[in-house]
PDB file of all heavy atoms in Angstrom:
ATOM      1  N   GLY A   1       0.834  -1.196   0.000  1.00  0.00           N
ATOM      2  CA  GLY A   1       0.000   0.000   0.000  1.00  0.00           C
ATOM      3  C   GLY A   1       0.865   1.241   0.000  1.00  0.00           C
ATOM      4  O   GLY A   1       1.926   1.266   0.625  1.00  0.00           O
ATOM      5  N   VAL A   2       0.425   2.253  -0.720  1.00  0.00           N
ATOM      6  CA  VAL A   2       1.078   3.557  -0.692  1.00  0.00           C
ATOM      7  C   VAL A   2       0.116   4.481   0.035  1.00  0.00           C
ATOM      8  O   VAL A   2      -0.950   4.831  -0.488  1.00  0.00           O
ATOM      9  CB  VAL A   2       1.410   4.058  -2.105  1.00  0.00           C
ATOM     10  CG1 VAL A   2       2.102   5.414  -2.046  1.00  0.00           C
ATOM     11  CG2 VAL A   2       2.299   3.054  -2.826  1.00  0.00           C
ATOM     12  N   VAL A   3       0.478   4.838   1.247  1.00  0.00           N
ATOM     13  CA  VAL A   3      -0.460   5.452   2.190  1.00  0.00           C
ATOM     14  C   VAL A   3       0.142   6.704   2.814  1.00  0.00           C
ATOM     15  O   VAL A   3       1.373   6.878   2.821  1.00  0.00           O
ATOM     16  CB  VAL A   3      -0.829   4.461   3.313  1.00  0.00           C
ATOM     17  CG1 VAL A   3      -1.533   3.244   2.752  1.00  0.00           C
ATOM     18  CG2 VAL A   3       0.416   4.031   4.090  1.00  0.00           C
ATOM     19  N   PRO A   4      -0.699   7.572   3.384  1.00  0.00           N
ATOM     20  CA  PRO A   4      -0.161   8.715   4.121  1.00  0.00           C
ATOM     21  C   PRO A   4       0.651   8.240   5.323  1.00  0.00           C
ATOM     22  O   PRO A   4       0.191   7.405   6.113  1.00  0.00           O
ATOM     23  CB  PRO A   4      -1.406   9.488   4.571  1.00  0.00           C
ATOM     24  CG  PRO A   4      -2.497   9.039   3.662  1.00  0.00           C
ATOM     25  CD  PRO A   4      -2.175   7.611   3.330  1.00  0.00           C
ATOM     26  N   GLU A   5       1.870   8.739   5.452  1.00  0.00           N
ATOM     27  CA  GLU A   5       2.690   8.377   6.606  1.00  0.00           C
ATOM     28  C   GLU A   5       1.958   8.681   7.900  1.00  0.00           C
ATOM     29  O   GLU A   5       2.039   7.927   8.880  1.00  0.00           O
ATOM     30  CB  GLU A   5       4.011   9.149   6.542  1.00  0.00           C
ATOM     31  CG  GLU A   5       5.003   8.776   7.611  1.00  0.00           C
ATOM     32  CD  GLU A   5       6.319   9.516   7.442  1.00  0.00           C
ATOM     33  OE1 GLU A   5       6.325  10.567   6.754  1.00  0.00           O
ATOM     34  OE2 GLU A   5       7.329   9.056   7.995  1.00  0.00           O
ATOM     35  N   LEU A   6       1.215   9.775   7.918  1.00  0.00           N
ATOM     36  CA  LEU A   6       0.428  10.170   9.079  1.00  0.00           C
ATOM     37  C   LEU A   6      -0.537   9.075   9.509  1.00  0.00           C
ATOM     38  O   LEU A   6      -0.790   8.888  10.709  1.00  0.00           O
ATOM     39  CB  LEU A   6      -0.339  11.458   8.725  1.00  0.00           C
ATOM     40  CG  LEU A   6      -1.344  12.017   9.709  1.00  0.00           C
ATOM     41  CD1 LEU A   6      -0.633  12.446  10.987  1.00  0.00           C
ATOM     42  CD2 LEU A   6      -2.092  13.196   9.098  1.00  0.00           C
ATOM     43  N   GLN A   7      -1.061   8.327   8.570  1.00  0.00           N
ATOM     44  CA  GLN A   7      -2.089   7.337   8.868  1.00  0.00           C
ATOM     45  C   GLN A   7      -1.530   6.046   9.452  1.00  0.00           C
ATOM     46  O   GLN A   7      -2.266   5.302  10.121  1.00  0.00           O
ATOM     47  CB  GLN A   7      -2.876   7.025   7.594  1.00  0.00           C
ATOM     48  CG  GLN A   7      -4.144   6.225   7.812  1.00  0.00           C
ATOM     49  CD  GLN A   7      -4.940   6.048   6.524  1.00  0.00           C
ATOM     50  OE1 GLN A   7      -4.476   6.410   5.453  1.00  0.00           O
ATOM     51  NE2 GLN A   7      -6.127   5.496   6.635  1.00  0.00           N
ATOM     52  N   VAL A   8      -0.256   5.760   9.234  1.00  0.00           N
ATOM     53  CA  VAL A   8       0.279   4.447   9.624  1.00  0.00           C
ATOM     54  C   VAL A   8       1.415   4.545  10.636  1.00  0.00           C
ATOM     55  O   VAL A   8       2.090   3.542  10.895  1.00  0.00           O
ATOM     56  CB  VAL A   8       0.758   3.668   8.376  1.00  0.00           C
ATOM     57  CG1 VAL A   8      -0.412   3.321   7.480  1.00  0.00           C
ATOM     58  CG2 VAL A   8       1.825   4.439   7.603  1.00  0.00           C
ATOM     59  N   ARG A   9       1.627   5.702  11.219  1.00  0.00           N
ATOM     60  CA  ARG A   9       2.753   5.842  12.157  1.00  0.00           C
ATOM     61  C   ARG A   9       2.659   4.852  13.311  1.00  0.00           C
ATOM     62  O   ARG A   9       3.662   4.234  13.705  1.00  0.00           O
ATOM     63  CB  ARG A   9       2.800   7.276  12.695  1.00  0.00           C
ATOM     64  CG  ARG A   9       3.346   8.276  11.701  1.00  0.00           C
ATOM     65  CD  ARG A   9       3.232   9.699  12.222  1.00  0.00           C
ATOM     66  NE  ARG A   9       3.712  10.660  11.228  1.00  0.00           N
ATOM     67  CZ  ARG A   9       3.493  11.965  11.292  1.00  0.00           C
ATOM     68  NH1 ARG A   9       2.805  12.470  12.316  1.00  0.00           N
ATOM     69  NH2 ARG A   9       3.949  12.767  10.351  1.00  0.00           N
ATOM     70  N   GLU A  10       1.471   4.701  13.868  1.00  0.00           N
ATOM     71  CA  GLU A  10       1.313   3.791  15.002  1.00  0.00           C
ATOM     72  C   GLU A  10       1.557   2.346  14.586  1.00  0.00           C
ATOM     73  O   GLU A  10       2.233   1.592  15.296  1.00  0.00           O
ATOM     74  CB  GLU A  10      -0.087   3.946  15.605  1.00  0.00           C
ATOM     75  CG  GLU A  10      -0.288   3.135  16.874  1.00  0.00           C
ATOM     76  CD  GLU A  10      -1.620   3.430  17.536  1.00  0.00           C
ATOM     77  OE1 GLU A  10      -2.193   4.509  17.295  1.00  0.00           O
ATOM     78  OE2 GLU A  10      -2.097   2.554  18.306  1.00  0.00           O
ATOM     79  N   ARG A  11       1.035   1.951  13.441  1.00  0.00           N
ATOM     80  CA  ARG A  11       1.243   0.576  12.962  1.00  0.00           C
ATOM     81  C   ARG A  11       2.724   0.321  12.650  1.00  0.00           C
ATOM     82  O   ARG A  11       3.224  -0.786  12.862  1.00  0.00           O
ATOM     83  CB  ARG A  11       0.387   0.306  11.735  1.00  0.00           C
ATOM     84  CG  ARG A  11      -1.114   0.177  12.030  1.00  0.00           C
ATOM     85  CD  ARG A  11      -1.879  -0.146  10.763  1.00  0.00           C
ATOM     86  NE  ARG A  11      -3.305  -0.243  10.956  1.00  0.00           N
ATOM     87  CZ  ARG A  11      -3.982  -1.356  11.234  1.00  0.00           C
ATOM     88  NH1 ARG A  11      -3.303  -2.498  11.355  1.00  0.00           N
ATOM     89  NH2 ARG A  11      -5.289  -1.358  11.379  1.00  0.00           N
ATOM     90  N   LEU A  12       3.413   1.322  12.122  1.00  0.00           N
ATOM     91  CA  LEU A  12       4.849   1.177  11.873  1.00  0.00           C
ATOM     92  C   LEU A  12       5.605   1.015  13.187  1.00  0.00           C
ATOM     93  O   LEU A  12       6.504   0.169  13.304  1.00  0.00           O
ATOM     94  CB  LEU A  12       5.372   2.397  11.109  1.00  0.00           C
ATOM     95  CG  LEU A  12       4.925   2.532   9.654  1.00  0.00           C
ATOM     96  CD1 LEU A  12       5.322   3.897   9.104  1.00  0.00           C
ATOM     97  CD2 LEU A  12       5.541   1.427   8.791  1.00  0.00           C
ATOM     98  N   ALA A  13       5.240   1.826  14.181  1.00  0.00           N
ATOM     99  CA  ALA A  13       5.921   1.753  15.478  1.00  0.00           C
ATOM    100  C   ALA A  13       5.692   0.401  16.152  1.00  0.00           C
ATOM    101  O   ALA A  13       6.579  -0.120  16.846  1.00  0.00           O
ATOM    102  CB  ALA A  13       5.440   2.880  16.383  1.00  0.00           C
ATOM    103  N   GLN A  14       4.509  -0.174  15.947  1.00  0.00           N
ATOM    104  CA  GLN A  14       4.190  -1.462  16.564  1.00  0.00           C
ATOM    105  C   GLN A  14       4.663  -2.661  15.736  1.00  0.00           C
ATOM    106  O   GLN A  14       4.510  -3.798  16.164  1.00  0.00           O
ATOM    107  CB  GLN A  14       2.677  -1.562  16.773  1.00  0.00           C
ATOM    108  CG  GLN A  14       2.140  -0.558  17.782  1.00  0.00           C
ATOM    109  CD  GLN A  14       0.628  -0.567  17.879  1.00  0.00           C
ATOM    110  OE1 GLN A  14      -0.052  -1.206  17.072  1.00  0.00           O
ATOM    111  NE2 GLN A  14       0.091   0.140  18.860  1.00  0.00           N
ATOM    112  N   GLY A  15       5.212  -2.401  14.552  1.00  0.00           N
ATOM    113  CA  GLY A  15       5.703  -3.487  13.713  1.00  0.00           C
ATOM    114  C   GLY A  15       4.643  -4.192  12.901  1.00  0.00           C
ATOM    115  O   GLY A  15       4.926  -5.227  12.284  1.00  0.00           O
ATOM    116  N   GLU A  16       3.407  -3.667  12.886  1.00  0.00           N
ATOM    117  CA  GLU A  16       2.354  -4.288  12.084  1.00  0.00           C
ATOM    118  C   GLU A  16       2.571  -4.051  10.594  1.00  0.00           C
ATOM    119  O   GLU A  16       2.107  -4.831   9.763  1.00  0.00           O
ATOM    120  CB  GLU A  16       0.989  -3.737  12.489  1.00  0.00           C
ATOM    121  CG  GLU A  16       0.580  -4.059  13.919  1.00  0.00           C
ATOM    122  CD  GLU A  16      -0.757  -3.429  14.268  1.00  0.00           C
ATOM    123  OE1 GLU A  16      -1.546  -3.150  13.334  1.00  0.00           O
ATOM    124  OE2 GLU A  16      -1.021  -3.215  15.464  1.00  0.00           O
ATOM    125  N   LEU A  17       3.246  -2.963  10.266  1.00  0.00           N
ATOM    126  CA  LEU A  17       3.605  -2.640   8.894  1.00  0.00           C
ATOM    127  C   LEU A  17       5.073  -2.281   8.829  1.00  0.00           C
ATOM    128  O   LEU A  17       5.645  -1.773   9.812  1.00  0.00           O
ATOM    129  CB  LEU A  17       2.756  -1.469   8.364  1.00  0.00           C
ATOM    130  CG  LEU A  17       1.277  -1.736   8.102  1.00  0.00           C
ATOM    131  CD1 LEU A  17       0.560  -0.431   7.811  1.00  0.00           C
ATOM    132  CD2 LEU A  17       1.091  -2.718   6.945  1.00  0.00           C
ATOM    133  N   LEU A  18       5.680  -2.539   7.677  1.00  0.00           N
ATOM    134  CA  LEU A  18       7.066  -2.163   7.431  1.00  0.00           C
ATOM    135  C   LEU A  18       7.105  -1.166   6.283  1.00  0.00           C
ATOM    136  O   LEU A  18       6.344  -1.277   5.314  1.00  0.00           O
ATOM    137  CB  LEU A  18       7.899  -3.398   7.075  1.00  0.00           C
ATOM    138  CG  LEU A  18       7.939  -4.526   8.111  1.00  0.00           C
ATOM    139  CD1 LEU A  18       8.730  -5.711   7.568  1.00  0.00           C
ATOM    140  CD2 LEU A  18       8.523  -4.036   9.433  1.00  0.00           C
ATOM    141  N   CYS A  19       7.997  -0.190   6.384  1.00  0.00           N
ATOM    142  CA  CYS A  19       8.151   0.806   5.325  1.00  0.00           C
ATOM    143  C   CYS A  19       9.123   0.274   4.280  1.00  0.00           C
ATOM    144  O   CYS A  19      10.234  -0.165   4.609  1.00  0.00           O
ATOM    145  CB  CYS A  19       8.665   2.123   5.910  1.00  0.00           C
ATOM    146  SG  CYS A  19       8.852   3.428   4.679  1.00  0.00           S
ATOM    147  N   LEU A  20       8.705   0.292   3.020  1.00  0.00           N
ATOM    148  CA  LEU A  20       9.571  -0.125   1.920  1.00  0.00           C
ATOM    149  C   LEU A  20      10.259   1.110   1.344  1.00  0.00           C
ATOM    150  O   LEU A  20       9.611   2.125   1.087  1.00  0.00           O
ATOM    151  CB  LEU A  20       8.751  -0.810   0.819  1.00  0.00           C
ATOM    152  CG  LEU A  20       7.766  -1.895   1.248  1.00  0.00           C
ATOM    153  CD1 LEU A  20       7.097  -2.502   0.027  1.00  0.00           C
ATOM    154  CD2 LEU A  20       8.450  -2.974   2.067  1.00  0.00           C
ATOM    155  N   ARG A  21      11.543   1.018   1.154  1.00  0.00           N
ATOM    156  CA  ARG A  21      12.288   2.146   0.579  1.00  0.00           C
ATOM    157  C   ARG A  21      11.956   3.455   1.299  1.00  0.00           C
ATOM    158  O   ARG A  21      11.319   4.354   0.748  1.00  0.00           O
ATOM    159  CB  ARG A  21      11.993   2.283  -0.905  1.00  0.00           C
ATOM    160  CG  ARG A  21      12.446   1.142  -1.788  1.00  0.00           C
ATOM    161  CD  ARG A  21      13.973   1.095  -1.910  1.00  0.00           C
ATOM    162  NE  ARG A  21      14.488   2.341  -2.458  1.00  0.00           N
ATOM    163  CZ  ARG A  21      14.651   2.584  -3.765  1.00  0.00           C
ATOM    164  NH1 ARG A  21      14.313   1.642  -4.648  1.00  0.00           N
ATOM    165  NH2 ARG A  21      15.165   3.715  -4.169  1.00  0.00           N
ATOM    166  N   PRO A  22      12.347   3.610   2.562  1.00  0.00           N
ATOM    167  CA  PRO A  22      12.023   4.818   3.320  1.00  0.00           C
ATOM    168  C   PRO A  22      12.502   6.107   2.654  1.00  0.00           C
ATOM    169  O   PRO A  22      12.005   7.199   2.976  1.00  0.00           O
ATOM    170  CB  PRO A  22      12.740   4.592   4.660  1.00  0.00           C
ATOM    171  CG  PRO A  22      12.904   3.113   4.764  1.00  0.00           C
ATOM    172  CD  PRO A  22      13.104   2.631   3.360  1.00  0.00           C
ATOM    173  N   ASP A  23      13.456   5.985   1.742  1.00  0.00           N
ATOM    174  CA  ASP A  23      13.974   7.178   1.052  1.00  0.00           C
ATOM    175  C   ASP A  23      13.027   7.688  -0.022  1.00  0.00           C
ATOM    176  O   ASP A  23      13.213   8.801  -0.545  1.00  0.00           O
ATOM    177  CB  ASP A  23      15.325   6.865   0.406  1.00  0.00           C
ATOM    178  CG  ASP A  23      15.260   5.677  -0.562  1.00  0.00           C
ATOM    179  OD1 ASP A  23      14.649   4.661  -0.195  1.00  0.00           O
ATOM    180  OD2 ASP A  23      15.824   5.781  -1.668  1.00  0.00           O
ATOM    181  N   ILE A  24      12.015   6.901  -0.380  1.00  0.00           N
ATOM    182  CA  ILE A  24      11.092   7.282  -1.449  1.00  0.00           C
ATOM    183  C   ILE A  24       9.742   7.670  -0.843  1.00  0.00           C
ATOM    184  O   ILE A  24       9.147   6.907  -0.070  1.00  0.00           O
ATOM    185  CB  ILE A  24      10.878   6.134  -2.453  1.00  0.00           C
ATOM    186  CG1 ILE A  24      12.215   5.698  -3.058  1.00  0.00           C
ATOM    187  CG2 ILE A  24       9.904   6.549  -3.546  1.00  0.00           C
ATOM    188  CD1 ILE A  24      12.896   6.774  -3.871  1.00  0.00           C
ATOM    189  N   GLY A  25       9.264   8.841  -1.192  1.00  0.00           N
ATOM    190  CA  GLY A  25       7.957   9.294  -0.723  1.00  0.00           C
ATOM    191  C   GLY A  25       7.313  10.197  -1.762  1.00  0.00           C
ATOM    192  O   GLY A  25       8.000  10.882  -2.522  1.00  0.00           O
ATOM    193  N   ILE A  26       5.996  10.201  -1.811  1.00  0.00           N
ATOM    194  CA  ILE A  26       5.244  11.077  -2.699  1.00  0.00           C
ATOM    195  C   ILE A  26       4.711  12.241  -1.876  1.00  0.00           C
ATOM    196  O   ILE A  26       3.995  12.036  -0.884  1.00  0.00           O
ATOM    197  CB  ILE A  26       4.065  10.330  -3.363  1.00  0.00           C
ATOM    198  CG1 ILE A  26       4.566   9.123  -4.141  1.00  0.00           C
ATOM    199  CG2 ILE A  26       3.273  11.272  -4.266  1.00  0.00           C
ATOM    200  CD1 ILE A  26       5.465   9.467  -5.298  1.00  0.00           C
ATOM    201  N   GLU A  27       5.092  13.440  -2.245  1.00  0.00           N
ATOM    202  CA  GLU A  27       4.663  14.631  -1.521  1.00  0.00           C
ATOM    203  C   GLU A  27       3.440  15.229  -2.218  1.00  0.00           C
ATOM    204  O   GLU A  27       3.521  15.659  -3.376  1.00  0.00           O
ATOM    205  CB  GLU A  27       5.793  15.675  -1.486  1.00  0.00           C
ATOM    206  CG  GLU A  27       7.139  15.135  -0.995  1.00  0.00           C
ATOM    207  CD  GLU A  27       7.140  14.897   0.500  1.00  0.00           C
ATOM    208  OE1 GLU A  27       6.319  15.529   1.198  1.00  0.00           O
ATOM    209  OE2 GLU A  27       7.959  14.079   0.980  1.00  0.00           O
ATOM    210  N   VAL A  28       2.314  15.253  -1.517  1.00  0.00           N
ATOM    211  CA  VAL A  28       1.063  15.765  -2.089  1.00  0.00           C
ATOM    212  C   VAL A  28       0.677  17.040  -1.350  1.00  0.00           C
ATOM    213  O   VAL A  28       0.325  17.004  -0.161  1.00  0.00           O
ATOM    214  CB  VAL A  28      -0.063  14.725  -1.985  1.00  0.00           C
ATOM    215  CG1 VAL A  28      -1.378  15.302  -2.498  1.00  0.00           C
ATOM    216  CG2 VAL A  28       0.305  13.462  -2.762  1.00  0.00           C
ATOM    217  N   ALA A  29       0.755  18.161  -2.047  1.00  0.00           N
ATOM    218  CA  ALA A  29       0.380  19.449  -1.464  1.00  0.00           C
ATOM    219  C   ALA A  29      -1.133  19.609  -1.525  1.00  0.00           C
ATOM    220  O   ALA A  29      -1.753  19.354  -2.559  1.00  0.00           O
ATOM    221  CB  ALA A  29       1.068  20.588  -2.205  1.00  0.00           C
ATOM    222  N   LEU A  30      -1.724  20.038  -0.420  1.00  0.00           N
ATOM    223  CA  LEU A  30      -3.165  20.208  -0.326  1.00  0.00           C
ATOM    224  C   LEU A  30      -3.517  21.688  -0.148  1.00  0.00           C
ATOM    225  O   LEU A  30      -2.773  22.439   0.489  1.00  0.00           O
ATOM    226  CB  LEU A  30      -3.728  19.397   0.841  1.00  0.00           C
ATOM    227  CG  LEU A  30      -3.563  17.873   0.752  1.00  0.00           C
ATOM    228  CD1 LEU A  30      -4.070  17.218   2.029  1.00  0.00           C
ATOM    229  CD2 LEU A  30      -4.283  17.312  -0.471  1.00  0.00           C
ATOM    230  N   TYR A  31      -4.681  22.067  -0.686  1.00  0.00           N
ATOM    231  CA  TYR A  31      -5.145  23.454  -0.629  1.00  0.00           C
ATOM    232  C   TYR A  31      -6.625  23.474  -0.248  1.00  0.00           C
ATOM    233  O   TYR A  31      -7.385  22.572  -0.608  1.00  0.00           O
ATOM    234  CB  TYR A  31      -4.979  24.137  -1.992  1.00  0.00           C
ATOM    235  CG  TYR A  31      -3.555  24.148  -2.498  1.00  0.00           C
ATOM    236  CD1 TYR A  31      -3.048  23.054  -3.201  1.00  0.00           C
ATOM    237  CD2 TYR A  31      -2.715  25.239  -2.265  1.00  0.00           C
ATOM    238  CE1 TYR A  31      -1.738  23.048  -3.662  1.00  0.00           C
ATOM    239  CE2 TYR A  31      -1.415  25.239  -2.731  1.00  0.00           C
ATOM    240  CZ  TYR A  31      -0.925  24.147  -3.426  1.00  0.00           C
ATOM    241  OH  TYR A  31       0.371  24.137  -3.877  1.00  0.00           O
ATOM    242  N   TRP A  32      -7.006  24.522   0.478  1.00  0.00           N
ATOM    243  CA  TRP A  32      -8.416  24.758   0.792  1.00  0.00           C
ATOM    244  C   TRP A  32      -8.957  25.823  -0.149  1.00  0.00           C
ATOM    245  O   TRP A  32      -8.403  26.904  -0.273  1.00  0.00           O
ATOM    246  CB  TRP A  32      -8.591  25.221   2.234  1.00  0.00           C
ATOM    247  CG  TRP A  32      -9.945  25.784   2.557  1.00  0.00           C
ATOM    248  CD1 TRP A  32     -10.255  27.067   2.879  1.00  0.00           C
ATOM    249  CD2 TRP A  32     -11.185  25.062   2.608  1.00  0.00           C
ATOM    250  NE1 TRP A  32     -11.591  27.214   3.124  1.00  0.00           N
ATOM    251  CE2 TRP A  32     -12.193  25.989   2.959  1.00  0.00           C
ATOM    252  CE3 TRP A  32     -11.541  23.725   2.372  1.00  0.00           C
ATOM    253  CZ2 TRP A  32     -13.540  25.622   3.086  1.00  0.00           C
ATOM    254  CZ3 TRP A  32     -12.876  23.363   2.504  1.00  0.00           C
ATOM    255  CH2 TRP A  32     -13.855  24.302   2.867  1.00  0.00           C
ATOM    256  N   HIS A  33     -10.044  25.488  -0.850  1.00  0.00           N
ATOM    257  CA  HIS A  33     -10.728  26.419  -1.744  1.00  0.00           C
ATOM    258  C   HIS A  33     -12.117  26.703  -1.183  1.00  0.00           C
ATOM    259  O   HIS A  33     -12.791  25.780  -0.710  1.00  0.00           O
ATOM    260  CB  HIS A  33     -10.902  25.808  -3.137  1.00  0.00           C
ATOM    261  CG  HIS A  33      -9.628  25.538  -3.860  1.00  0.00           C
ATOM    262  ND1 HIS A  33      -9.158  26.329  -4.887  1.00  0.00           N
ATOM    263  CD2 HIS A  33      -8.713  24.540  -3.724  1.00  0.00           C
ATOM    264  CE1 HIS A  33      -8.028  25.839  -5.355  1.00  0.00           C
ATOM    265  NE2 HIS A  33      -7.730  24.740  -4.664  1.00  0.00           N
ATOM    266  N   GLN A  34     -12.563  27.943  -1.269  1.00  0.00           N
ATOM    267  CA  GLN A  34     -13.942  28.250  -0.918  1.00  0.00           C
ATOM    268  C   GLN A  34     -14.440  29.414  -1.755  1.00  0.00           C
ATOM    269  O   GLN A  34     -13.666  30.259  -2.210  1.00  0.00           O
ATOM    270  CB  GLN A  34     -14.096  28.568   0.569  1.00  0.00           C
ATOM    271  CG  GLN A  34     -13.540  29.915   1.009  1.00  0.00           C
ATOM    272  CD  GLN A  34     -13.826  30.201   2.470  1.00  0.00           C
ATOM    273  OE1 GLN A  34     -13.327  29.496   3.359  1.00  0.00           O
ATOM    274  NE2 GLN A  34     -14.607  31.236   2.727  1.00  0.00           N
ATOM    275  N   TRP A  35     -15.763  29.412  -1.963  1.00  0.00           N
ATOM    276  CA  TRP A  35     -16.364  30.496  -2.724  1.00  0.00           C
ATOM    277  C   TRP A  35     -16.334  31.783  -1.931  1.00  0.00           C
ATOM    278  O   TRP A  35     -16.530  31.780  -0.715  1.00  0.00           O
ATOM    279  CB  TRP A  35     -17.815  30.147  -3.071  1.00  0.00           C
ATOM    280  CG  TRP A  35     -17.934  29.137  -4.163  1.00  0.00           C
ATOM    281  CD1 TRP A  35     -18.263  27.818  -4.033  1.00  0.00           C
ATOM    282  CD2 TRP A  35     -17.702  29.357  -5.554  1.00  0.00           C
ATOM    283  NE1 TRP A  35     -18.240  27.209  -5.257  1.00  0.00           N
ATOM    284  CE2 TRP A  35     -17.913  28.130  -6.217  1.00  0.00           C
ATOM    285  CE3 TRP A  35     -17.350  30.482  -6.307  1.00  0.00           C
ATOM    286  CZ2 TRP A  35     -17.775  27.987  -7.587  1.00  0.00           C
ATOM    287  CZ3 TRP A  35     -17.218  30.339  -7.689  1.00  0.00           C
ATOM    288  CH2 TRP A  35     -17.428  29.106  -8.302  1.00  0.00           C
ATOM    289  N   LYS A  36     -16.070  32.870  -2.611  1.00  0.00           N
ATOM    290  CA  LYS A  36     -16.324  34.193  -2.047  1.00  0.00           C
ATOM    291  C   LYS A  36     -17.798  34.483  -2.284  1.00  0.00           C
ATOM    292  O   LYS A  36     -18.224  34.589  -3.431  1.00  0.00           O
ATOM    293  CB  LYS A  36     -15.481  35.271  -2.743  1.00  0.00           C
ATOM    294  CG  LYS A  36     -13.989  35.107  -2.588  1.00  0.00           C
ATOM    295  CD  LYS A  36     -13.290  36.185  -3.409  1.00  0.00           C
ATOM    296  CE  LYS A  36     -11.780  36.027  -3.362  1.00  0.00           C
ATOM    297  NZ  LYS A  36     -11.104  37.013  -4.234  1.00  0.00           N
ATOM    298  N   LEU A  37     -18.555  34.593  -1.227  1.00  0.00           N
ATOM    299  CA  LEU A  37     -19.979  34.786  -1.384  1.00  0.00           C
ATOM    300  C   LEU A  37     -20.263  36.265  -1.596  1.00  0.00           C
ATOM    301  O   LEU A  37     -19.701  37.124  -0.910  1.00  0.00           O
ATOM    302  CB  LEU A  37     -20.726  34.260  -0.165  1.00  0.00           C
ATOM    303  CG  LEU A  37     -20.404  32.795   0.185  1.00  0.00           C
ATOM    304  CD1 LEU A  37     -21.302  32.291   1.266  1.00  0.00           C
ATOM    305  CD2 LEU A  37     -20.520  31.917  -1.057  1.00  0.00           C
ATOM    306  N   GLY A  38     -21.153  36.577  -2.552  1.00  0.00           N
ATOM    307  CA  GLY A  38     -21.374  37.970  -2.915  1.00  0.00           C
ATOM    308  C   GLY A  38     -22.743  38.469  -2.537  1.00  0.00           C
ATOM    309  O   GLY A  38     -23.710  37.735  -2.503  1.00  0.00           O
ATOM    310  N   ASP A  39     -22.844  39.792  -2.251  1.00  0.00           N
ATOM    311  CA  ASP A  39     -24.142  40.400  -1.981  1.00  0.00           C
ATOM    312  C   ASP A  39     -24.711  40.956  -3.282  1.00  0.00           C
ATOM    313  O   ASP A  39     -24.169  40.769  -4.360  1.00  0.00           O
ATOM    314  CB  ASP A  39     -24.014  41.474  -0.896  1.00  0.00           C
ATOM    315  CG  ASP A  39     -23.044  42.586  -1.296  1.00  0.00           C
ATOM    316  OD1 ASP A  39     -22.655  42.666  -2.505  1.00  0.00           O
ATOM    317  OD2 ASP A  39     -22.682  43.377  -0.429  1.00  0.00           O
ATOM    318  N   ASP A  40     -25.808  41.655  -3.200  1.00  0.00           N
ATOM    319  CA  ASP A  40     -26.481  42.155  -4.395  1.00  0.00           C
ATOM    320  C   ASP A  40     -25.626  43.152  -5.171  1.00  0.00           C
ATOM    321  O   ASP A  40     -25.819  43.362  -6.361  1.00  0.00           O
ATOM    322  CB  ASP A  40     -27.814  42.801  -4.020  1.00  0.00           C
ATOM    323  CG  ASP A  40     -28.832  41.766  -3.593  1.00  0.00           C
ATOM    324  OD1 ASP A  40     -28.653  40.580  -3.950  1.00  0.00           O
ATOM    325  OD2 ASP A  40     -29.786  42.146  -2.905  1.00  0.00           O
TER     326      ASP A  40
END
């Protein structure tokens, strides 16, 4: 699985999952968009 590191930190620490190639990661930048609401 290719998963958010944030989501599996506990499982990694407990040994339930192992990280493959720790040097390789996909960085996904996130943005919040919202409408500017207009009056008359």
